[in-house]
Amino acid sequence: MVEKWDITIPELTGAQTRRAYLYLPDYYDDDPDKRYPVLYMFDGHNVFFDSDATYGKSWGMKEFMEETRAPLIIAAVECNHSPDHGRLKEYSPFAFRDARFGQIPGWGKITMEWLVHKFKPDIDAHIRTIPDREHTFIAGSSMGGLMSIYALLEYNRYFSRAAALSPSLWVDPDRLANLIRSVKLGSGTTLYMDYGSKEIFNHKNMLQSFGKIASLLLERQIYLNFRIVPGGDHSEASWERQIPFFMETLMYEPPGKPKDQEPKKQDKK
């Protein structure tokens, strides 16, 4: 089941509301003591319902989760739809200038500070999550994919795994590379990253940037699953087809590790 409610992000858009989404497994109420990992997702309006999606096609995460019965909670927040490039501003960790969009200030840090210090604590307080780093993931596509990589690196104390589909590496690959080289990473840091074969040449030097970033991630000993998707393009329909691949990476359990591992002490109810 998916719950919807309105929230505000005062740090970004004041009192303007946007929609938040929460997926809970259908069997969530069967065991009142069981807790679940959480996947946070960008562009929440595109995650579950075609009727809410910007272009009339969602990722179809609700159907996938119901079919597979994966033991996971998903929390997602709608992006900023302002015609003044609101989404680019909130989903860019770096300020940049582009011929098409002009000067973009880069409010990604503000977005992430709100997510980890306000949204995540609220979810953990009201839902039976496993709130530790090992059981907290993040995912997105395009600018949301770039933000997912940024979150995994800069906020690694909160997120152990991420999925970045068609990430907008073109924004500032050099600053991203410097971030990869410099950040402190916890054990088990894992990333799924892909790009569609039909979109890889949409931006200048994207293929080279994709390979460079992948190499740097491997040098940092991040567990990396990266792919060029045959026939993949820059659309929700294409990203939907990649769900089994990135979910396998996010939910993979090493041999000998209990699947339902939980913290020894847990105060939340």
Protein backbone atom coordinates (compact mmCIF):
# COMPACT_ATOMS: atom_id res chain seq x y z
CA MET A 1 0.00 0.00 0.00
CA VAL A 2 1.09 3.55 -0.70
CA GLU A 3 0.17 6.46 1.54
CA LYS A 4 0.23 10.07 0.34
CA TRP A 5 0.36 13.28 2.32
CA ASP A 6 1.41 16.91 1.86
CA ILE A 7 4.63 18.28 3.32
CA THR A 8 6.59 21.51 3.21
CA ILE A 9 10.32 22.10 2.92
CA PRO A 10 10.65 25.59 4.44
CA GLU A 11 14.37 25.77 3.70
CA LEU A 12 13.64 25.50 -0.03
CA THR A 13 10.08 26.55 -0.85
CA GLY A 14 8.64 28.06 2.33
CA ALA A 15 5.00 27.15 2.94
CA GLN A 16 4.46 25.68 -0.53
CA THR A 17 3.30 22.07 -0.23
CA ARG A 18 4.45 19.05 -2.16
CA ARG A 19 3.45 15.41 -2.00
CA ALA A 20 5.24 12.73 0.02
CA TYR A 21 4.74 9.01 -0.62
CA LEU A 22 5.25 6.02 1.65
CA TYR A 23 5.12 2.41 0.50
CA LEU A 24 4.55 -0.23 3.19
CA PRO A 25 4.47 -3.95 2.40
CA ASP A 26 0.96 -5.40 2.40
CA TYR A 27 2.03 -7.65 5.28
CA TYR A 28 3.40 -4.75 7.36
CA ASP A 29 0.68 -5.12 10.04
CA ASP A 30 1.00 -8.90 10.29
CA ASP A 31 3.97 -8.75 12.68
CA PRO A 32 3.98 -5.65 14.91
CA ASP A 33 7.56 -6.34 16.00
CA LYS A 34 9.14 -6.64 12.57
CA ARG A 35 11.22 -3.74 11.24
CA TYR A 36 12.27 -2.98 7.69
CA PRO A 37 15.05 -1.31 5.69
CA VAL A 38 14.11 1.94 3.96
CA LEU A 39 14.76 3.14 0.42
CA TYR A 40 14.48 6.92 -0.06
CA MET A 41 13.74 8.03 -3.61
CA PHE A 42 13.84 11.32 -5.48
CA ASP A 43 11.04 12.51 -7.81
CA GLY A 44 8.44 10.77 -5.65
CA HIS A 45 5.57 11.71 -7.99
CA ASN A 46 7.14 9.50 -10.68
CA VAL A 47 7.75 6.45 -8.49
CA PHE A 48 4.37 4.77 -7.99
CA PHE A 49 1.45 6.11 -10.01
CA ASP A 50 1.08 6.97 -13.69
CA SER A 51 -1.63 9.46 -12.75
CA ASP A 52 0.87 11.49 -10.70
CA ALA A 53 3.86 11.16 -13.04
CA THR A 54 5.10 14.20 -14.96
CA TYR A 55 4.86 12.49 -18.35
CA GLY A 56 2.05 10.06 -17.54
CA LYS A 57 4.34 7.07 -16.91
CA SER A 58 5.73 6.09 -13.51
CA TRP A 59 8.45 3.65 -12.54
CA GLY A 60 5.79 1.16 -11.44
CA MET A 61 7.51 0.53 -8.11
CA LYS A 62 4.22 -0.34 -6.39
CA GLU A 63 3.53 -3.22 -8.78
CA PHE A 64 7.09 -4.50 -8.52
CA MET A 65 7.06 -4.44 -4.73
CA GLU A 66 3.68 -6.14 -4.51
CA GLU A 67 4.70 -8.82 -6.98
CA THR A 68 8.06 -9.59 -5.36
CA ARG A 69 6.93 -8.96 -1.75
CA ALA A 70 10.34 -7.46 -1.05
CA PRO A 71 10.79 -6.66 2.67
CA LEU A 72 11.40 -2.95 2.19
CA ILE A 73 9.79 0.41 2.94
CA ILE A 74 10.00 3.16 0.31
CA ALA A 75 9.75 6.85 1.19
CA ALA A 76 9.72 9.37 -1.67
CA VAL A 77 9.15 13.11 -2.03
CA GLU A 78 7.89 15.08 -5.01
CA CYS A 79 10.38 17.39 -6.72
CA ASN A 80 10.11 21.15 -7.13
CA HIS A 81 8.11 21.81 -10.31
CA SER A 82 8.89 25.53 -10.51
CA PRO A 83 9.40 26.62 -14.16
CA ASP A 84 12.39 28.59 -12.90
CA HIS A 85 14.43 25.35 -12.93
CA GLY A 86 13.32 24.47 -9.40
CA ARG A 87 14.14 20.80 -9.81
CA LEU A 88 17.62 21.50 -11.17
CA LYS A 89 18.35 23.84 -8.27
CA GLU A 90 17.23 21.39 -5.59
CA TYR A 91 18.75 18.31 -7.21
CA SER A 92 22.19 19.69 -8.02
CA PRO A 93 24.91 19.33 -5.39
CA PHE A 94 27.07 21.80 -7.35
CA ALA A 95 26.46 25.29 -8.68
CA PHE A 96 26.89 25.36 -12.45
CA ARG A 97 26.19 27.37 -15.57
CA ASP A 98 24.62 25.86 -18.67
CA ALA A 99 23.73 27.43 -22.01
CA ARG A 100 20.19 26.05 -21.78
CA PHE A 101 19.44 26.76 -18.12
CA GLY A 102 21.66 29.69 -17.20
CA GLN A 103 23.16 29.88 -13.72
CA ILE A 104 21.98 27.11 -11.36
CA PRO A 105 22.90 27.75 -7.69
CA GLY A 106 22.99 24.11 -6.57
CA TRP A 107 20.85 23.53 -3.48
CA GLY A 108 21.54 19.80 -3.23
CA LYS A 109 23.15 20.17 0.19
CA ILE A 110 20.07 21.97 1.52
CA THR A 111 17.88 19.21 0.08
CA MET A 112 19.95 16.49 1.73
CA GLU A 113 20.20 18.29 5.07
CA TRP A 114 16.39 18.42 5.16
CA LEU A 115 16.09 14.79 4.14
CA VAL A 116 18.51 13.34 6.72
CA HIS A 117 17.70 15.69 9.60
CA LYS A 118 13.94 16.16 9.21
CA PHE A 119 12.29 13.74 6.78
CA LYS A 120 14.20 10.59 7.75
CA PRO A 121 13.79 11.15 11.53
CA ASP A 122 10.06 11.65 11.00
CA ILE A 123 9.80 8.39 9.05
CA ASP A 124 11.87 6.55 11.68
CA ALA A 125 9.72 7.95 14.48
CA HIS A 126 6.38 6.83 13.04
CA ILE A 127 7.21 3.73 10.98
CA ARG A 128 8.91 0.48 12.00
CA THR A 129 12.17 1.07 10.19
CA ILE A 130 15.67 -0.24 10.80
CA PRO A 131 17.14 3.26 10.93
CA ASP A 132 20.85 2.49 10.89
CA ARG A 133 23.16 3.18 7.94
CA GLU A 134 23.37 -0.45 6.87
CA HIS A 135 19.63 -0.62 6.24
CA THR A 136 19.11 2.83 4.69
CA PHE A 137 19.32 3.27 0.90
CA ILE A 138 18.69 6.03 -1.62
CA ALA A 139 17.86 6.06 -5.35
CA GLY A 140 16.93 8.31 -8.23
CA SER A 141 17.27 8.99 -11.94
CA SER A 142 18.76 11.80 -14.02
CA MET A 143 19.38 14.70 -11.59
CA GLY A 144 17.97 12.42 -8.90
CA GLY A 145 20.62 9.89 -9.93
CA LEU A 146 23.35 12.49 -9.46
CA MET A 147 21.86 13.33 -6.05
CA SER A 148 21.86 9.65 -5.11
CA ILE A 149 25.60 9.40 -5.81
CA TYR A 150 26.17 12.63 -3.89
CA ALA A 151 24.11 11.36 -0.96
CA LEU A 152 25.99 8.06 -0.84
CA LEU A 153 29.32 9.91 -0.77
CA GLU A 154 28.69 13.05 1.28
CA TYR A 155 26.10 11.49 3.60
CA ASN A 156 27.68 8.07 3.84
CA ARG A 157 27.09 7.98 7.58
CA TYR A 158 23.36 7.72 6.77
CA PHE A 159 23.29 5.68 3.53
CA SER A 160 25.20 2.49 2.78
CA ARG A 161 23.76 1.76 -0.67
CA ALA A 162 22.43 3.77 -3.59
CA ALA A 163 21.06 3.38 -7.10
CA ALA A 164 21.76 6.04 -9.73
CA LEU A 165 19.94 5.53 -13.04
CA SER A 166 21.05 7.75 -15.92
CA PRO A 167 22.79 10.12 -13.47
CA SER A 168 23.43 13.65 -14.73
CA LEU A 169 27.21 13.38 -14.59
CA TRP A 170 27.47 16.22 -17.10
CA VAL A 171 26.72 18.80 -14.41
CA ASP A 172 30.28 18.91 -13.07
CA PRO A 173 32.20 15.64 -13.47
CA ASP A 174 35.43 17.18 -12.14
CA ARG A 175 33.89 18.24 -8.83
CA LEU A 176 32.18 14.88 -8.52
CA ALA A 177 35.53 13.19 -9.13
CA ASN A 178 37.17 15.29 -6.42
CA LEU A 179 34.37 14.38 -4.03
CA ILE A 180 34.85 10.67 -4.73
CA ARG A 181 38.59 10.98 -4.04
CA SER A 182 38.23 12.93 -0.79
CA VAL A 183 35.24 11.63 1.18
CA LYS A 184 35.44 9.21 4.07
CA LEU A 185 33.48 6.04 3.34
CA GLY A 186 32.10 3.40 5.67
CA SER A 187 32.35 -0.31 5.09
CA GLY A 188 30.06 -1.96 2.58
CA THR A 189 29.38 1.18 0.55
CA THR A 190 27.53 -0.05 -2.54
CA LEU A 191 26.36 1.66 -5.73
CA TYR A 192 24.30 0.60 -8.73
CA MET A 193 24.85 2.98 -11.67
CA ASP A 194 23.68 2.67 -15.26
CA TYR A 195 23.22 4.58 -18.48
CA GLY A 196 21.10 3.76 -21.52
CA SER A 197 22.84 3.04 -24.81
CA LYS A 198 20.43 5.43 -26.58
CA GLU A 199 21.24 8.33 -24.23
CA ILE A 200 24.95 7.93 -23.51
CA PHE A 201 25.85 10.40 -26.28
CA ASN A 202 23.20 13.01 -25.40
CA HIS A 203 25.88 15.06 -23.64
CA LYS A 204 29.42 15.73 -24.78
CA ASN A 205 32.01 13.28 -23.42
CA MET A 206 29.37 11.41 -21.38
CA LEU A 207 30.79 7.99 -22.21
CA GLN A 208 34.24 9.09 -21.03
CA SER A 209 32.78 10.68 -17.88
CA PHE A 210 30.82 7.55 -17.10
CA GLY A 211 33.94 5.40 -17.38
CA LYS A 212 36.07 7.84 -15.39
CA ILE A 213 33.60 8.08 -12.53
CA ALA A 214 33.21 4.29 -12.45
CA SER A 215 36.99 3.84 -12.28
CA LEU A 216 37.30 6.32 -9.41
CA LEU A 217 34.51 4.58 -7.50
CA LEU A 218 36.28 1.25 -7.91
CA GLU A 219 39.55 2.81 -6.74
CA ARG A 220 37.75 3.80 -3.53
CA GLN A 221 36.73 0.15 -3.16
CA ILE A 222 33.05 0.93 -3.45
CA TYR A 223 31.07 -2.18 -4.41
CA LEU A 224 29.96 -1.07 -7.85
CA ASN A 225 27.45 -2.57 -10.25
CA PHE A 226 27.52 -0.44 -13.41
CA ARG A 227 25.97 -1.09 -16.79
CA ILE A 228 25.33 0.34 -20.22
CA VAL A 229 21.71 -0.70 -20.75
CA PRO A 230 21.15 -2.08 -24.29
CA GLY A 231 18.42 0.02 -25.88
CA GLY A 232 17.96 2.07 -22.72
CA ASP A 233 16.86 5.69 -22.98
CA HIS A 234 16.12 8.62 -20.67
CA SER A 235 12.57 7.74 -19.57
CA GLU A 236 10.57 6.26 -16.74
CA ALA A 237 9.64 3.31 -18.95
CA SER A 238 13.32 2.48 -19.41
CA TRP A 239 14.11 2.95 -15.72
CA GLU A 240 11.21 0.68 -14.80
CA ARG A 241 12.88 -2.13 -16.73
CA GLN A 242 16.00 -1.70 -14.60
CA ILE A 243 14.20 -2.18 -11.26
CA PRO A 244 15.14 -5.87 -10.89
CA PHE A 245 18.80 -5.01 -11.49
CA PHE A 246 19.14 -2.18 -9.00
CA MET A 247 16.90 -3.82 -6.40
CA GLU A 248 19.12 -6.90 -6.48
CA THR A 249 22.09 -4.64 -5.70
CA LEU A 250 20.29 -2.78 -2.92
CA MET A 251 18.86 -5.89 -1.27
CA TYR A 252 21.77 -8.28 -1.82
CA GLU A 253 22.84 -10.13 1.32
CA PRO A 254 26.36 -11.60 1.57
CA PRO A 255 26.51 -15.37 2.16
CA GLY A 256 26.09 -16.33 5.77
CA LYS A 257 24.48 -13.03 6.80
CA PRO A 258 20.96 -13.20 8.29
CA LYS A 259 18.43 -11.52 6.00
CA ASP A 260 16.45 -10.02 8.86
CA GLN A 261 19.35 -8.61 10.82
CA GLU A 262 18.21 -5.90 13.21
CA PRO A 263 19.92 -3.71 15.81
CA LYS A 264 20.19 -5.24 19.28
CA LYS A 265 18.59 -2.18 20.86
CA GLN A 266 15.58 -0.50 19.35
CA ASP A 267 13.40 2.06 21.07
CA LYS A 268 11.08 3.05 18.24
CA LYS A 269 7.65 1.54 17.95
